[in-house]
Amino acid sequence: MLEILETPITVVHVFAAAVLILIILIQPGKSGGLTAALGGAGTQQVFGGRGAGNFLSRGTWILAGTFFLTSVVLAYTSSSTDDSISAKRGHKTHHAAPAPKKSAPKK
């Protein structure tokens, strides 16, 4: 059942990772963050004086939780199957018989 959801969960995981990176870079720190480097007051105009900090903090926690949850689910789905990677792809492994031992030449 979880194999069906593996692709959508992977998409959510990658999306959460990318947005989490961006939202962390946008957050104002002691020196103002990325917004101060790129022009400054853009987030204050959109969110208000302190609204950006609260919004970005909440978004960070939600995305971090989503990232953590999808990481655990993807780890579980990858380790819960008994098939090897080659069996999932449909490749059959052929084990060759050992080569016959050659005897030393007789003198």
Protein backbone atom coordinates (compact mmCIF):
# COMPACT_ATOMS: atom_id res chain seq x y z
CA MET A 1 0.00 0.00 0.00
CA LEU A 2 2.78 2.43 0.86
CA GLU A 3 4.52 1.72 -2.45
CA ILE A 4 1.67 3.51 -4.22
CA LEU A 5 2.21 6.63 -2.13
CA GLU A 6 5.98 6.66 -2.47
CA THR A 7 6.11 9.04 -5.45
CA PRO A 8 3.65 11.64 -4.05
CA ILE A 9 5.41 11.55 -0.68
CA THR A 10 8.75 12.06 -2.43
CA VAL A 11 7.34 15.08 -4.28
CA VAL A 12 6.04 16.56 -1.01
CA HIS A 13 9.43 15.86 0.61
CA VAL A 14 11.39 17.66 -2.11
CA PHE A 15 8.94 20.57 -2.14
CA ALA A 16 9.13 20.90 1.66
CA ALA A 17 12.94 20.86 1.51
CA ALA A 18 13.11 23.56 -1.16
CA VAL A 19 10.58 25.85 0.54
CA LEU A 20 12.20 25.26 3.92
CA ILE A 21 15.53 26.45 2.54
CA LEU A 22 13.92 29.58 1.12
CA ILE A 23 11.90 30.38 4.22
CA ILE A 24 14.97 30.05 6.45
CA LEU A 25 16.96 32.36 4.18
CA ILE A 26 14.20 34.98 4.22
CA GLN A 27 13.89 35.08 8.01
CA PRO A 28 15.39 38.18 9.57
CA GLY A 29 18.23 37.46 11.95
CA LYS A 30 20.43 39.77 13.96
CA SER A 31 21.78 41.30 10.79
CA GLY A 32 18.48 41.35 8.94
CA GLY A 33 18.70 38.14 6.93
CA LEU A 34 18.50 37.83 3.19
CA THR A 35 15.77 40.47 2.95
CA ALA A 36 18.11 43.14 4.31
CA ALA A 37 20.72 42.21 1.73
CA LEU A 38 18.22 42.41 -1.11
CA GLY A 39 16.50 45.65 -0.26
CA GLY A 40 15.16 45.58 3.22
CA ALA A 41 11.62 46.51 4.05
CA GLY A 42 9.76 44.24 1.63
CA THR A 43 8.54 41.85 4.31
CA GLN A 44 7.49 44.65 6.62
CA GLN A 45 5.26 46.05 3.90
CA VAL A 46 3.67 42.67 3.25
CA PHE A 47 3.35 41.27 6.77
CA GLY A 48 3.52 44.33 9.02
CA GLY A 49 6.17 45.21 11.60
CA ARG A 50 6.42 41.92 13.46
CA GLY A 51 4.04 39.80 11.38
CA ALA A 52 6.80 38.47 9.13
CA GLY A 53 8.65 36.92 12.05
CA ASN A 54 5.58 35.13 13.36
CA PHE A 55 4.47 33.97 9.92
CA LEU A 56 7.93 32.76 8.93
CA SER A 57 8.49 31.06 12.28
CA ARG A 58 5.22 29.18 12.02
CA GLY A 59 5.95 28.24 8.41
CA THR A 60 9.39 26.98 9.39
CA TRP A 61 7.96 24.73 12.10
CA ILE A 62 5.24 23.37 9.82
CA LEU A 63 7.66 22.67 6.97
CA ALA A 64 10.25 21.17 9.32
CA GLY A 65 7.59 18.83 10.72
CA THR A 66 6.48 17.90 7.21
CA PHE A 67 10.08 17.27 6.17
CA PHE A 68 10.69 15.10 9.24
CA LEU A 69 7.49 13.11 8.76
CA THR A 70 8.10 12.47 5.06
CA SER A 71 11.70 11.46 5.84
CA VAL A 72 10.51 8.85 8.32
CA VAL A 73 7.80 7.53 5.99
CA LEU A 74 10.19 7.30 3.03
CA ALA A 75 12.80 5.53 5.18
CA TYR A 76 10.17 3.06 6.34
CA THR A 77 8.91 2.35 2.83
CA SER A 78 12.41 1.78 1.49
CA SER A 79 13.33 -0.64 4.26
CA SER A 80 10.01 -2.46 4.65
CA THR A 81 10.09 -4.36 1.37
CA ASP A 82 11.82 -7.70 1.07
CA ASP A 83 12.76 -7.17 -2.56
CA SER A 84 16.20 -6.09 -3.57
CA ILE A 85 16.69 -3.08 -5.80
CA SER A 86 17.37 -5.25 -8.82
CA ALA A 87 14.19 -7.26 -8.19
CA LYS A 88 12.15 -4.03 -8.02
CA ARG A 89 13.50 -3.02 -11.43
CA GLY A 90 12.76 -6.40 -12.95
CA HIS A 91 16.37 -7.47 -13.50
CA LYS A 92 17.14 -11.07 -12.91
CA THR A 93 20.53 -11.84 -11.53
CA HIS A 94 22.30 -14.81 -13.04
CA HIS A 95 24.78 -16.57 -10.89
CA ALA A 96 27.44 -18.22 -13.00
CA ALA A 97 28.69 -21.60 -12.05
CA PRO A 98 32.26 -21.65 -10.83
CA ALA A 99 34.84 -22.33 -13.52
CA PRO A 100 36.19 -25.87 -13.56
CA LYS A 101 39.57 -26.22 -11.96
CA LYS A 102 42.37 -26.91 -14.37
CA SER A 103 44.88 -29.42 -13.32
CA ALA A 104 48.58 -28.71 -13.58
CA PRO A 105 50.19 -29.92 -16.80
CA LYS A 106 51.77 -33.37 -16.50
CA LYS A 107 55.47 -33.73 -17.21
